[in-house]
Amino acid sequence: MGLGLSAGPHLRSPTDDGRICMPRGTASTRFPAGSDDLVTEPLTDIIDPENFTPRLIALLSNALVWRESHELRRRFGLGTNDWRVLSVLAIRPGASATEVTEFIGVNKAVVSKSVTTLAERELIALVDGPRGSRPLYLTPAGAQMHADMLPVSNIGQDIILEGMDPAHVQALNALLRDMIDKVREAPTTDAADLETAVSRS
């Protein structure tokens, strides 16, 4: 499938590097001056969008986050990141902001913003811990907010797991945990590693 442009007599022949060049001002599309070398057809070395696992996981995650965030904002005036912080503190009372960051795998600035929001609404409290640490705890209002928000988060799980056999769910979760571990343990790819991977492909 092309990118909104059908092949036809107005298309020039591919160049040596595979680019398809179009003349300016065709009947269907007008290109600005200096755009004769725009790529107007899909490249050959691309991901398979229906079978590229990272893309599918990202699409699923994005869809769930959007649904959850929209509903949390509407009902409680809080977002998904705020919910995640509350959820961590429900599981690990006294966790520091750094520990929360590591647990949910987001940028520290994101957690810091949520901590500020939740503290201002008196849903969490920061206390003075040993050696200058600042443990975080839910307040009674925060515990109630967690109870109110939990069903919204559970809806997402119910949607994606509907009709699945419990054994399949366990196997799926095991696969996902294994994938997460692999990504966390994998070394960062530098330019040399990337060039080696490209040369082997």
N, C-alpha and C. Protein backbone atom coordinates (compact mmCIF):
# COMPACT_ATOMS: atom_id res chain seq x y z
N MET A 1 0.84 -1.19 0.00
CA MET A 1 0.00 0.00 0.00
C MET A 1 0.87 1.24 0.00
N GLY A 2 0.57 2.20 -0.85
CA GLY A 2 1.35 3.43 -0.91
C GLY A 2 0.94 4.39 0.17
N LEU A 3 1.63 5.50 0.25
CA LEU A 3 1.35 6.50 1.26
C LEU A 3 0.38 7.53 0.72
N GLY A 4 -0.79 7.06 0.30
CA GLY A 4 -1.80 7.97 -0.18
C GLY A 4 -1.59 8.37 -1.62
N LEU A 5 -0.64 7.78 -2.33
CA LEU A 5 -0.35 8.13 -3.71
C LEU A 5 -0.32 6.86 -4.53
N SER A 6 -1.12 6.80 -5.57
CA SER A 6 -1.13 5.60 -6.40
C SER A 6 -0.08 5.72 -7.48
N ALA A 7 0.44 4.58 -7.88
CA ALA A 7 1.43 4.57 -8.95
C ALA A 7 0.74 4.93 -10.25
N GLY A 8 1.46 5.61 -11.11
CA GLY A 8 0.85 6.01 -12.37
C GLY A 8 1.87 6.62 -13.28
N PRO A 9 1.45 7.12 -14.44
CA PRO A 9 2.40 7.65 -15.40
C PRO A 9 3.09 8.90 -14.94
N HIS A 10 2.53 9.58 -13.92
CA HIS A 10 3.17 10.80 -13.46
C HIS A 10 4.39 10.52 -12.60
N LEU A 11 4.57 9.26 -12.18
CA LEU A 11 5.72 8.90 -11.36
C LEU A 11 6.94 8.69 -12.24
N ARG A 12 8.05 9.22 -11.79
CA ARG A 12 9.31 8.97 -12.48
C ARG A 12 9.86 7.62 -12.08
N SER A 13 10.84 7.15 -12.82
CA SER A 13 11.46 5.87 -12.49
C SER A 13 12.26 6.00 -11.21
N PRO A 14 12.42 4.88 -10.48
CA PRO A 14 13.22 4.92 -9.25
C PRO A 14 14.65 5.33 -9.55
N THR A 15 15.24 6.07 -8.64
CA THR A 15 16.64 6.44 -8.76
C THR A 15 17.48 5.26 -8.30
N ASP A 16 18.81 5.39 -8.44
CA ASP A 16 19.69 4.29 -8.07
C ASP A 16 19.56 3.91 -6.60
N ASP A 17 19.23 4.90 -5.74
CA ASP A 17 19.13 4.59 -4.32
C ASP A 17 17.71 4.24 -3.90
N GLY A 18 16.83 4.00 -4.88
CA GLY A 18 15.50 3.52 -4.56
C GLY A 18 14.45 4.59 -4.37
N ARG A 19 14.82 5.85 -4.50
CA ARG A 19 13.85 6.91 -4.31
C ARG A 19 12.96 7.04 -5.54
N ILE A 20 11.70 7.37 -5.31
CA ILE A 20 10.77 7.63 -6.40
C ILE A 20 10.59 9.14 -6.47
N CYS A 21 10.95 9.75 -7.57
CA CYS A 21 10.87 11.19 -7.70
C CYS A 21 9.62 11.58 -8.48
N MET A 22 8.97 12.63 -8.03
CA MET A 22 7.77 13.11 -8.70
C MET A 22 7.98 14.52 -9.19
N PRO A 23 7.43 14.85 -10.34
CA PRO A 23 7.52 16.22 -10.81
C PRO A 23 6.67 17.13 -9.96
N ARG A 24 7.02 18.40 -9.90
CA ARG A 24 6.24 19.35 -9.12
C ARG A 24 4.88 19.57 -9.77
N GLY A 25 3.89 19.82 -8.92
CA GLY A 25 2.61 20.26 -9.41
C GLY A 25 1.86 19.24 -10.22
N THR A 26 1.81 17.96 -9.77
CA THR A 26 1.00 16.97 -10.46
C THR A 26 -0.47 17.28 -10.21
N ALA A 27 -1.33 16.61 -10.94
CA ALA A 27 -2.76 16.90 -10.81
C ALA A 27 -3.27 16.56 -9.42
N SER A 28 -2.71 15.51 -8.78
CA SER A 28 -3.22 15.07 -7.49
C SER A 28 -2.53 15.72 -6.30
N THR A 29 -1.27 16.03 -6.43
CA THR A 29 -0.50 16.56 -5.31
C THR A 29 0.45 17.63 -5.79
N ARG A 30 0.51 18.71 -5.03
CA ARG A 30 1.45 19.79 -5.37
C ARG A 30 2.59 19.79 -4.36
N PHE A 31 3.80 19.70 -4.86
CA PHE A 31 4.98 19.70 -4.02
C PHE A 31 5.68 21.04 -4.12
N PRO A 32 6.24 21.52 -3.02
CA PRO A 32 6.95 22.80 -3.06
C PRO A 32 8.22 22.70 -3.89
N ALA A 33 8.71 23.85 -4.29
CA ALA A 33 9.95 23.90 -5.07
C ALA A 33 11.08 23.23 -4.29
N GLY A 34 11.93 22.51 -5.02
CA GLY A 34 13.06 21.84 -4.39
C GLY A 34 12.73 20.51 -3.76
N SER A 35 11.54 19.96 -4.05
CA SER A 35 11.13 18.70 -3.43
C SER A 35 11.07 17.56 -4.43
N ASP A 36 11.83 17.68 -5.52
CA ASP A 36 11.78 16.64 -6.55
C ASP A 36 12.23 15.27 -6.05
N ASP A 37 13.06 15.24 -4.98
CA ASP A 37 13.60 13.96 -4.54
C ASP A 37 12.86 13.38 -3.33
N LEU A 38 11.63 13.84 -3.08
CA LEU A 38 10.87 13.28 -1.97
C LEU A 38 10.56 11.81 -2.22
N VAL A 39 10.61 11.03 -1.16
CA VAL A 39 10.26 9.61 -1.24
C VAL A 39 8.74 9.48 -1.17
N THR A 40 8.12 9.02 -2.22
CA THR A 40 6.66 8.96 -2.29
C THR A 40 6.11 7.54 -2.30
N GLU A 41 6.97 6.57 -2.15
CA GLU A 41 6.54 5.18 -2.07
C GLU A 41 7.22 4.53 -0.87
N PRO A 42 6.58 3.53 -0.26
CA PRO A 42 7.18 2.86 0.89
C PRO A 42 8.56 2.28 0.55
N LEU A 43 9.46 2.33 1.51
CA LEU A 43 10.77 1.71 1.35
C LEU A 43 10.63 0.19 1.44
N THR A 44 11.67 -0.50 1.06
CA THR A 44 11.62 -1.97 1.09
C THR A 44 12.09 -2.53 2.43
N ASP A 45 13.02 -1.87 3.09
CA ASP A 45 13.55 -2.36 4.36
C ASP A 45 12.82 -1.66 5.50
N ILE A 46 11.69 -2.21 5.92
CA ILE A 46 10.84 -1.59 6.92
C ILE A 46 10.36 -2.65 7.91
N ILE A 47 9.76 -2.20 9.01
CA ILE A 47 9.16 -3.14 9.95
C ILE A 47 7.85 -3.67 9.38
N ASP A 48 7.46 -4.85 9.83
CA ASP A 48 6.14 -5.38 9.51
C ASP A 48 5.21 -4.87 10.61
N PRO A 49 4.38 -3.86 10.33
CA PRO A 49 3.60 -3.23 11.38
C PRO A 49 2.63 -4.16 12.10
N GLU A 50 2.23 -5.24 11.45
CA GLU A 50 1.29 -6.17 12.07
C GLU A 50 1.99 -7.24 12.90
N ASN A 51 3.30 -7.35 12.77
CA ASN A 51 4.02 -8.41 13.47
C ASN A 51 5.27 -7.93 14.19
N PHE A 52 5.49 -6.61 14.27
CA PHE A 52 6.63 -6.06 14.99
C PHE A 52 6.22 -5.93 16.45
N THR A 53 6.71 -6.85 17.27
CA THR A 53 6.24 -6.99 18.64
C THR A 53 6.34 -5.70 19.47
N PRO A 54 7.47 -4.96 19.43
CA PRO A 54 7.52 -3.72 20.21
C PRO A 54 6.41 -2.74 19.84
N ARG A 55 6.08 -2.67 18.55
CA ARG A 55 5.00 -1.77 18.12
C ARG A 55 3.66 -2.22 18.71
N LEU A 56 3.38 -3.51 18.67
CA LEU A 56 2.11 -4.02 19.19
C LEU A 56 2.00 -3.77 20.69
N ILE A 57 3.10 -3.98 21.41
CA ILE A 57 3.08 -3.73 22.85
C ILE A 57 2.86 -2.25 23.13
N ALA A 58 3.52 -1.39 22.35
CA ALA A 58 3.37 0.05 22.53
C ALA A 58 1.95 0.50 22.23
N LEU A 59 1.36 -0.03 21.16
CA LEU A 59 -0.02 0.33 20.81
C LEU A 59 -0.98 -0.08 21.92
N LEU A 60 -0.79 -1.28 22.45
CA LEU A 60 -1.65 -1.75 23.53
C LEU A 60 -1.50 -0.88 24.76
N SER A 61 -0.26 -0.59 25.13
CA SER A 61 0.01 0.25 26.30
C SER A 61 -0.59 1.64 26.13
N ASN A 62 -0.38 2.23 24.95
CA ASN A 62 -0.90 3.57 24.70
C ASN A 62 -2.42 3.61 24.78
N ALA A 63 -3.07 2.59 24.23
CA ALA A 63 -4.54 2.54 24.25
C ALA A 63 -5.06 2.41 25.68
N LEU A 64 -4.41 1.57 26.47
CA LEU A 64 -4.83 1.40 27.86
C LEU A 64 -4.61 2.67 28.67
N VAL A 65 -3.45 3.29 28.48
CA VAL A 65 -3.14 4.51 29.22
C VAL A 65 -4.12 5.61 28.86
N TRP A 66 -4.46 5.73 27.57
CA TRP A 66 -5.39 6.78 27.16
C TRP A 66 -6.74 6.58 27.81
N ARG A 67 -7.27 5.37 27.78
CA ARG A 67 -8.57 5.09 28.39
C ARG A 67 -8.53 5.39 29.88
N GLU A 68 -7.51 4.88 30.54
CA GLU A 68 -7.39 5.04 31.98
C GLU A 68 -7.22 6.49 32.37
N SER A 69 -6.33 7.20 31.69
CA SER A 69 -6.06 8.59 32.02
C SER A 69 -7.29 9.45 31.83
N HIS A 70 -8.01 9.23 30.73
CA HIS A 70 -9.22 10.00 30.45
C HIS A 70 -10.24 9.84 31.58
N GLU A 71 -10.43 8.61 32.01
CA GLU A 71 -11.43 8.35 33.05
C GLU A 71 -10.97 8.86 34.41
N LEU A 72 -9.69 8.70 34.72
CA LEU A 72 -9.18 9.20 36.01
C LEU A 72 -9.27 10.72 36.08
N ARG A 73 -8.96 11.39 34.98
CA ARG A 73 -9.07 12.85 34.95
C ARG A 73 -10.52 13.28 35.14
N ARG A 74 -11.41 12.58 34.46
CA ARG A 74 -12.82 12.95 34.52
C ARG A 74 -13.39 12.75 35.92
N ARG A 75 -13.03 11.66 36.54
CA ARG A 75 -13.62 11.33 37.84
C ARG A 75 -12.91 11.99 39.02
N PHE A 76 -11.58 12.04 38.95
CA PHE A 76 -10.82 12.43 40.14
C PHE A 76 -9.90 13.62 39.94
N GLY A 77 -9.74 14.09 38.72
CA GLY A 77 -8.83 15.19 38.47
C GLY A 77 -7.37 14.79 38.60
N LEU A 78 -7.09 13.51 38.47
CA LEU A 78 -5.72 12.99 38.54
C LEU A 78 -5.46 12.15 37.30
N GLY A 79 -4.17 11.98 36.97
CA GLY A 79 -3.82 11.22 35.77
C GLY A 79 -3.23 9.86 36.09
N THR A 80 -2.84 9.17 35.04
CA THR A 80 -2.29 7.83 35.18
C THR A 80 -1.02 7.81 36.02
N ASN A 81 -0.15 8.79 35.84
CA ASN A 81 1.09 8.81 36.62
C ASN A 81 0.81 9.02 38.10
N ASP A 82 -0.20 9.84 38.41
CA ASP A 82 -0.58 10.02 39.81
C ASP A 82 -1.10 8.71 40.39
N TRP A 83 -1.91 8.02 39.60
CA TRP A 83 -2.42 6.72 40.03
C TRP A 83 -1.28 5.73 40.27
N ARG A 84 -0.30 5.74 39.41
CA ARG A 84 0.82 4.81 39.55
C ARG A 84 1.58 5.04 40.86
N VAL A 85 1.76 6.30 41.23
CA VAL A 85 2.45 6.60 42.48
C VAL A 85 1.62 6.10 43.66
N LEU A 86 0.32 6.37 43.64
CA LEU A 86 -0.55 5.88 44.71
C LEU A 86 -0.49 4.36 44.79
N SER A 87 -0.48 3.71 43.63
CA SER A 87 -0.46 2.25 43.59
C SER A 87 0.83 1.69 44.19
N VAL A 88 1.96 2.32 43.87
CA VAL A 88 3.24 1.86 44.43
C VAL A 88 3.24 1.99 45.94
N LEU A 89 2.74 3.12 46.45
CA LEU A 89 2.75 3.34 47.89
C LEU A 89 1.75 2.44 48.61
N ALA A 90 0.72 1.98 47.89
CA ALA A 90 -0.19 1.00 48.46
C ALA A 90 0.51 -0.36 48.60
N ILE A 91 1.43 -0.63 47.69
CA ILE A 91 2.18 -1.89 47.70
C ILE A 91 3.41 -1.80 48.60
N ARG A 92 4.09 -0.64 48.54
CA ARG A 92 5.33 -0.45 49.27
C ARG A 92 5.29 0.86 50.07
N PRO A 93 4.58 0.87 51.19
CA PRO A 93 4.55 2.08 52.02
C PRO A 93 5.95 2.49 52.44
N GLY A 94 6.23 3.79 52.38
CA GLY A 94 7.54 4.28 52.78
C GLY A 94 8.57 4.30 51.69
N ALA A 95 8.17 3.96 50.46
CA ALA A 95 9.12 4.02 49.34
C ALA A 95 9.53 5.46 49.08
N SER A 96 10.75 5.65 48.65
CA SER A 96 11.22 6.98 48.29
C SER A 96 10.81 7.28 46.86
N ALA A 97 10.96 8.54 46.46
CA ALA A 97 10.62 8.92 45.08
C ALA A 97 11.49 8.15 44.09
N THR A 98 12.75 7.93 44.45
CA THR A 98 13.65 7.17 43.58
C THR A 98 13.18 5.73 43.44
N GLU A 99 12.75 5.13 44.54
CA GLU A 99 12.25 3.75 44.50
C GLU A 99 10.96 3.65 43.70
N VAL A 100 10.11 4.66 43.82
CA VAL A 100 8.88 4.69 43.02
C VAL A 100 9.23 4.76 41.54
N THR A 101 10.21 5.61 41.22
CA THR A 101 10.64 5.75 39.83
C THR A 101 11.12 4.43 39.26
N GLU A 102 11.93 3.71 40.03
CA GLU A 102 12.45 2.42 39.57
C GLU A 102 11.34 1.38 39.43
N PHE A 103 10.37 1.44 40.32
CA PHE A 103 9.30 0.45 40.33
C PHE A 103 8.40 0.57 39.10
N ILE A 104 8.06 1.81 38.73
CA ILE A 104 7.13 1.99 37.60
C ILE A 104 7.84 2.28 36.29
N GLY A 105 9.16 2.51 36.34
CA GLY A 105 9.94 2.64 35.11
C GLY A 105 9.65 3.89 34.31
N VAL A 106 9.53 5.02 34.98
CA VAL A 106 9.34 6.28 34.27
C VAL A 106 10.42 7.27 34.69
N ASN A 107 10.45 8.41 34.01
CA ASN A 107 11.42 9.44 34.32
C ASN A 107 11.19 10.00 35.72
N LYS A 108 12.28 10.31 36.42
CA LYS A 108 12.16 10.81 37.79
C LYS A 108 11.37 12.11 37.85
N ALA A 109 11.49 12.94 36.81
CA ALA A 109 10.75 14.20 36.79
C ALA A 109 9.25 13.97 36.79
N VAL A 110 8.82 12.89 36.14
CA VAL A 110 7.39 12.55 36.09
C VAL A 110 6.89 12.21 37.49
N VAL A 111 7.67 11.40 38.20
CA VAL A 111 7.30 11.02 39.56
C VAL A 111 7.31 12.24 40.48
N SER A 112 8.31 13.09 40.33
CA SER A 112 8.41 14.29 41.15
C SER A 112 7.18 15.18 40.99
N LYS A 113 6.72 15.32 39.76
CA LYS A 113 5.53 16.13 39.50
C LYS A 113 4.30 15.53 40.16
N SER A 114 4.16 14.21 40.06
CA SER A 114 3.01 13.54 40.67
C SER A 114 3.08 13.62 42.19
N VAL A 115 4.28 13.46 42.75
CA VAL A 115 4.43 13.56 44.21
C VAL A 115 4.00 14.94 44.69
N THR A 116 4.39 15.97 43.96
CA THR A 116 3.99 17.33 44.33
C THR A 116 2.48 17.48 44.28
N THR A 117 1.86 16.98 43.21
CA THR A 117 0.41 17.07 43.05
C THR A 117 -0.32 16.33 44.17
N LEU A 118 0.12 15.12 44.45
CA LEU A 118 -0.54 14.30 45.46
C LEU A 118 -0.34 14.87 46.86
N ALA A 119 0.84 15.43 47.12
CA ALA A 119 1.10 16.04 48.43
C ALA A 119 0.24 17.28 48.62
N GLU A 120 0.09 18.08 47.56
CA GLU A 120 -0.74 19.28 47.65
C GLU A 120 -2.20 18.94 47.92
N ARG A 121 -2.64 17.80 47.43
CA ARG A 121 -4.01 17.36 47.68
C ARG A 121 -4.12 16.51 48.94
N GLU A 122 -3.02 16.42 49.68
CA GLU A 122 -2.97 15.70 50.95
C GLU A 122 -3.36 14.23 50.80
N LEU A 123 -2.95 13.65 49.68
CA LEU A 123 -3.19 12.23 49.44
C LEU A 123 -1.97 11.40 49.82
N ILE A 124 -0.81 12.04 49.88
CA ILE A 124 0.40 11.40 50.37
C ILE A 124 1.12 12.36 51.29
N ALA A 125 2.02 11.82 52.09
CA ALA A 125 2.83 12.65 52.99
C ALA A 125 4.29 12.24 52.86
N LEU A 126 5.17 13.24 52.86
CA LEU A 126 6.61 13.00 52.86
C LEU A 126 7.10 13.20 54.29
N VAL A 127 7.79 12.21 54.83
CA VAL A 127 8.29 12.31 56.19
C VAL A 127 9.81 12.31 56.18
N ASP A 128 10.39 12.72 57.29
CA ASP A 128 11.85 12.73 57.41
C ASP A 128 12.34 11.35 57.80
N GLY A 129 13.14 10.75 56.92
CA GLY A 129 13.67 9.41 57.18
C GLY A 129 15.13 9.45 57.56
N PRO A 130 15.73 8.29 57.74
CA PRO A 130 17.15 8.23 58.12
C PRO A 130 18.06 8.72 56.99
N ARG A 131 19.15 9.36 57.39
CA ARG A 131 20.17 9.82 56.45
C ARG A 131 19.60 10.73 55.36
N GLY A 132 18.67 11.56 55.75
CA GLY A 132 18.13 12.56 54.82
C GLY A 132 17.13 12.03 53.81
N SER A 133 16.70 10.78 53.95
CA SER A 133 15.73 10.23 53.01
C SER A 133 14.34 10.81 53.27
N ARG A 134 13.46 10.71 52.27
CA ARG A 134 12.09 11.23 52.40
C ARG A 134 11.10 10.13 52.01
N PRO A 135 10.82 9.21 52.93
CA PRO A 135 9.84 8.16 52.64
C PRO A 135 8.47 8.77 52.34
N LEU A 136 7.73 8.10 51.47
CA LEU A 136 6.39 8.56 51.09
C LEU A 136 5.35 7.58 51.63
N TYR A 137 4.26 8.14 52.15
CA TYR A 137 3.18 7.31 52.68
C TYR A 137 1.84 7.85 52.21
N LEU A 138 0.89 6.95 52.04
CA LEU A 138 -0.48 7.37 51.77
C LEU A 138 -1.09 7.95 53.04
N THR A 139 -1.86 8.99 52.89
CA THR A 139 -2.70 9.48 53.97
C THR A 139 -4.01 8.69 53.94
N PRO A 140 -4.86 8.81 54.96
CA PRO A 140 -6.16 8.14 54.89
C PRO A 140 -6.94 8.53 53.63
N ALA A 141 -6.86 9.81 53.26
CA ALA A 141 -7.53 10.26 52.04
C ALA A 141 -6.89 9.61 50.81
N GLY A 142 -5.56 9.42 50.86
CA GLY A 142 -4.87 8.78 49.76
C GLY A 142 -5.25 7.31 49.62
N ALA A 143 -5.41 6.64 50.77
CA ALA A 143 -5.83 5.23 50.74
C ALA A 143 -7.23 5.11 50.15
N GLN A 144 -8.10 6.05 50.49
CA GLN A 144 -9.45 6.04 49.93
C GLN A 144 -9.42 6.33 48.44
N MET A 145 -8.57 7.27 48.04
CA MET A 145 -8.44 7.59 46.61
C MET A 145 -7.95 6.36 45.85
N HIS A 146 -7.00 5.64 46.43
CA HIS A 146 -6.51 4.41 45.79
C HIS A 146 -7.65 3.42 45.60
N ALA A 147 -8.48 3.26 46.63
CA ALA A 147 -9.61 2.33 46.54
C ALA A 147 -10.60 2.77 45.47
N ASP A 148 -10.78 4.08 45.32
CA ASP A 148 -11.72 4.60 44.32
C ASP A 148 -11.18 4.45 42.90
N MET A 149 -9.86 4.59 42.74
CA MET A 149 -9.25 4.56 41.41
C MET A 149 -8.95 3.14 40.93
N LEU A 150 -8.78 2.22 41.85
CA LEU A 150 -8.40 0.85 41.50
C LEU A 150 -9.35 0.20 40.48
N PRO A 151 -10.68 0.32 40.65
CA PRO A 151 -11.57 -0.31 39.66
C PRO A 151 -11.37 0.22 38.25
N VAL A 152 -11.01 1.49 38.11
CA VAL A 152 -10.78 2.06 36.78
C VAL A 152 -9.60 1.37 36.12
N SER A 153 -8.54 1.15 36.89
CA SER A 153 -7.37 0.47 36.35
C SER A 153 -7.67 -0.99 36.03
N ASN A 154 -8.48 -1.62 36.88
CA ASN A 154 -8.82 -3.03 36.66
C ASN A 154 -9.64 -3.24 35.39
N ILE A 155 -10.40 -2.22 34.99
CA ILE A 155 -11.22 -2.34 33.78
C ILE A 155 -10.33 -2.62 32.57
N GLY A 156 -9.19 -1.94 32.49
CA GLY A 156 -8.28 -2.16 31.38
C GLY A 156 -7.82 -3.60 31.30
N GLN A 157 -7.48 -4.17 32.45
CA GLN A 157 -7.05 -5.57 32.47
C GLN A 157 -8.19 -6.48 32.05
N ASP A 158 -9.39 -6.18 32.54
CA ASP A 158 -10.55 -7.01 32.18
C ASP A 158 -10.79 -7.00 30.67
N ILE A 159 -10.59 -5.84 30.05
CA ILE A 159 -10.84 -5.71 28.61
C ILE A 159 -9.88 -6.60 27.82
N ILE A 160 -8.59 -6.51 28.12
CA ILE A 160 -7.62 -7.23 27.29
C ILE A 160 -7.55 -8.73 27.60
N LEU A 161 -8.02 -9.12 28.79
CA LEU A 161 -7.94 -10.53 29.15
C LEU A 161 -9.27 -11.26 28.99
N GLU A 162 -10.28 -10.55 28.53
CA GLU A 162 -11.61 -11.16 28.39
C GLU A 162 -11.54 -12.40 27.48
N GLY A 163 -12.09 -13.49 27.98
CA GLY A 163 -12.15 -14.72 27.20
C GLY A 163 -10.89 -15.55 27.22
N MET A 164 -9.85 -15.09 27.88
CA MET A 164 -8.60 -15.84 27.92
C MET A 164 -8.62 -16.86 29.06
N ASP A 165 -8.09 -18.02 28.78
CA ASP A 165 -7.97 -19.05 29.80
C ASP A 165 -6.95 -18.61 30.85
N PRO A 166 -7.22 -18.84 32.15
CA PRO A 166 -6.27 -18.42 33.20
C PRO A 166 -4.85 -18.92 32.96
N ALA A 167 -4.72 -20.12 32.43
CA ALA A 167 -3.38 -20.65 32.16
C ALA A 167 -2.69 -19.83 31.08
N HIS A 168 -3.45 -19.38 30.09
CA HIS A 168 -2.88 -18.54 29.04
C HIS A 168 -2.47 -17.18 29.59
N VAL A 169 -3.26 -16.67 30.52
CA VAL A 169 -2.93 -15.38 31.14
C VAL A 169 -1.62 -15.50 31.91
N GLN A 170 -1.46 -16.58 32.66
CA GLN A 170 -0.22 -16.79 33.41
C GLN A 170 0.97 -16.91 32.46
N ALA A 171 0.77 -17.63 31.36
CA ALA A 171 1.86 -17.79 30.39
C ALA A 171 2.20 -16.46 29.74
N LEU A 172 1.17 -15.67 29.41
CA LEU A 172 1.39 -14.35 28.81
C LEU A 172 2.17 -13.45 29.76
N ASN A 173 1.76 -13.42 31.02
CA ASN A 173 2.44 -12.57 32.00
C ASN A 173 3.89 -13.01 32.20
N ALA A 174 4.12 -14.31 32.15
CA ALA A 174 5.50 -14.82 32.28
C ALA A 174 6.34 -14.36 31.10
N LEU A 175 5.76 -14.40 29.90
CA LEU A 175 6.48 -13.93 28.72
C LEU A 175 6.79 -12.44 28.82
N LEU A 176 5.82 -11.66 29.28
CA LEU A 176 6.03 -10.21 29.40
C LEU A 176 7.10 -9.90 30.43
N ARG A 177 7.07 -10.60 31.55
CA ARG A 177 8.11 -10.38 32.57
C ARG A 177 9.49 -10.72 32.03
N ASP A 178 9.55 -11.79 31.24
CA ASP A 178 10.83 -12.18 30.64
C ASP A 178 11.31 -11.12 29.66
N MET A 179 10.39 -10.56 28.87
CA MET A 179 10.75 -9.50 27.93
C MET A 179 11.28 -8.27 28.67
N ILE A 180 10.60 -7.92 29.76
CA ILE A 180 11.02 -6.76 30.55
C ILE A 180 12.43 -6.97 31.10
N ASP A 181 12.68 -8.16 31.62
CA ASP A 181 14.01 -8.47 32.16
C ASP A 181 15.08 -8.38 31.07
N LYS A 182 14.77 -8.89 29.88
CA LYS A 182 15.74 -8.85 28.79
C LYS A 182 16.10 -7.43 28.42
N VAL A 183 15.09 -6.56 28.35
CA VAL A 183 15.34 -5.17 27.98
C VAL A 183 16.17 -4.48 29.05
N ARG A 184 15.84 -4.73 30.32
CA ARG A 184 16.57 -4.09 31.41
C ARG A 184 18.02 -4.56 31.48
N GLU A 185 18.24 -5.82 31.14
CA GLU A 185 19.59 -6.38 31.24
C GLU A 185 20.42 -6.15 29.99
N ALA A 186 19.78 -5.80 28.89
CA ALA A 186 20.52 -5.61 27.64
C ALA A 186 21.40 -4.37 27.73
N PRO A 187 22.64 -4.46 27.25
CA PRO A 187 23.52 -3.28 27.25
C PRO A 187 23.00 -2.24 26.27
N THR A 188 23.34 -1.00 26.55
CA THR A 188 22.95 0.08 25.65
C THR A 188 23.66 -0.08 24.32
N THR A 189 22.92 0.08 23.25
CA THR A 189 23.50 -0.05 21.91
C THR A 189 24.20 1.23 21.52
N ASP A 190 25.50 1.14 21.24
CA ASP A 190 26.22 2.32 20.77
C ASP A 190 26.35 2.27 19.25
N ALA A 191 26.98 3.27 18.69
CA ALA A 191 27.07 3.38 17.23
C ALA A 191 27.78 2.18 16.62
N ALA A 192 28.85 1.71 17.28
CA ALA A 192 29.60 0.57 16.75
C ALA A 192 28.75 -0.69 16.72
N ASP A 193 27.98 -0.91 17.81
CA ASP A 193 27.11 -2.09 17.85
C ASP A 193 26.06 -2.01 16.76
N LEU A 194 25.52 -0.81 16.55
CA LEU A 194 24.49 -0.64 15.53
C LEU A 194 25.04 -0.93 14.14
N GLU A 195 26.24 -0.45 13.87
CA GLU A 195 26.85 -0.70 12.56
C GLU A 195 27.09 -2.20 12.35
N THR A 196 27.49 -2.89 13.42
CA THR A 196 27.71 -4.34 13.31
C THR A 196 26.41 -5.06 13.01
N ALA A 197 25.33 -4.65 13.71
CA ALA A 197 24.03 -5.28 13.50
C ALA A 197 23.55 -5.05 12.08
N VAL A 198 23.76 -3.85 11.57
CA VAL A 198 23.33 -3.53 10.21
C VAL A 198 24.10 -4.35 9.19
N SER A 199 25.41 -4.50 9.42
CA SER A 199 26.24 -5.25 8.48
C SER A 199 25.87 -6.72 8.44
N ARG A 200 25.32 -7.23 9.54
CA ARG A 200 24.95 -8.64 9.60
C ARG A 200 23.56 -8.89 9.02
N SER A 201 22.77 -7.84 8.88
CA SER A 201 21.39 -8.02 8.40
C SER A 201 21.35 -8.18 6.89
